[in-house]
Amino acid sequence: MTRNEGTVDRVLRIVGGLALIGLTLSGTIGVWGWIGIVPLLTGAVGWCPAYSILGIKTCTMKS
């Protein structure tokens, strides 16, 4: 697994995932908020399977 997410992308995924999970735990949104686990995990790992399939890379590579 080669990293395919840049720093900003990873931070936004983690914040968004935590927000969805937090809203679910507080009862503000329904059970569907648990989908926040997906962006949280992909942000933490730095690799997104959808990006791999679509050939997208937001990570800058050092030469």
Protein backbone atom coordinates (compact mmCIF):
# COMPACT_ATOMS: atom_id res chain seq x y z
CA MET A 1 0.00 0.00 0.00
CA THR A 2 1.61 3.19 -1.19
CA ARG A 3 0.37 6.35 0.48
CA ASN A 4 -1.99 8.23 -1.84
CA GLU A 5 -3.40 10.94 0.46
CA GLY A 6 -1.76 14.27 1.16
CA THR A 7 -1.58 15.92 4.56
CA VAL A 8 -4.55 18.25 4.06
CA ASP A 9 -6.65 15.40 2.68
CA ARG A 10 -5.80 13.23 5.68
CA VAL A 11 -6.60 15.97 8.21
CA LEU A 12 -9.96 16.72 6.57
CA ARG A 13 -10.86 13.02 6.55
CA ILE A 14 -9.97 12.57 10.22
CA VAL A 15 -11.85 15.70 11.32
CA GLY A 16 -14.89 14.81 9.22
CA GLY A 17 -14.91 11.23 10.48
CA LEU A 18 -14.65 12.30 14.10
CA ALA A 19 -17.42 14.86 13.59
CA LEU A 20 -19.79 12.25 12.15
CA ILE A 21 -19.03 9.79 14.94
CA GLY A 22 -19.44 12.51 17.57
CA LEU A 23 -22.79 13.60 16.15
CA THR A 24 -23.94 9.99 16.15
CA LEU A 25 -22.90 9.45 19.75
CA SER A 26 -24.67 12.65 20.83
CA GLY A 27 -27.88 11.53 19.11
CA THR A 28 -27.94 14.47 16.69
CA ILE A 29 -27.87 12.26 13.61
CA GLY A 30 -28.94 8.69 13.14
CA VAL A 31 -27.06 5.45 12.84
CA TRP A 32 -25.79 6.35 9.36
CA GLY A 33 -23.23 8.62 11.06
CA TRP A 34 -21.14 5.55 11.86
CA ILE A 35 -19.98 5.76 8.24
CA GLY A 36 -17.53 8.29 9.70
CA ILE A 37 -15.35 5.31 10.60
CA VAL A 38 -14.36 4.98 6.93
CA PRO A 39 -12.84 8.46 6.46
CA LEU A 40 -11.32 8.25 9.94
CA LEU A 41 -9.48 5.02 9.11
CA THR A 42 -8.42 6.05 5.61
CA GLY A 43 -7.13 9.36 6.97
CA ALA A 44 -5.21 7.63 9.75
CA VAL A 45 -3.62 5.12 7.36
CA GLY A 46 -3.01 7.57 4.50
CA TRP A 47 -4.33 5.22 1.83
CA CYS A 48 -7.73 5.28 0.15
CA PRO A 49 -8.86 2.28 -1.92
CA ALA A 50 -11.16 4.46 -4.05
CA TYR A 51 -8.23 6.73 -4.92
CA SER A 52 -6.25 3.66 -6.00
CA ILE A 53 -9.05 2.47 -8.28
CA LEU A 54 -9.55 5.92 -9.82
CA GLY A 55 -5.81 6.68 -10.07
CA ILE A 56 -6.04 9.78 -7.85
CA LYS A 57 -3.10 10.83 -5.69
CA THR A 58 -3.12 13.91 -3.45
CA CYS A 59 0.19 13.00 -1.84
CA THR A 60 3.26 14.80 -3.11
CA MET A 61 6.12 12.43 -3.85
CA LYS A 62 9.73 13.29 -3.01
CA SER A 63 12.20 12.58 -5.77
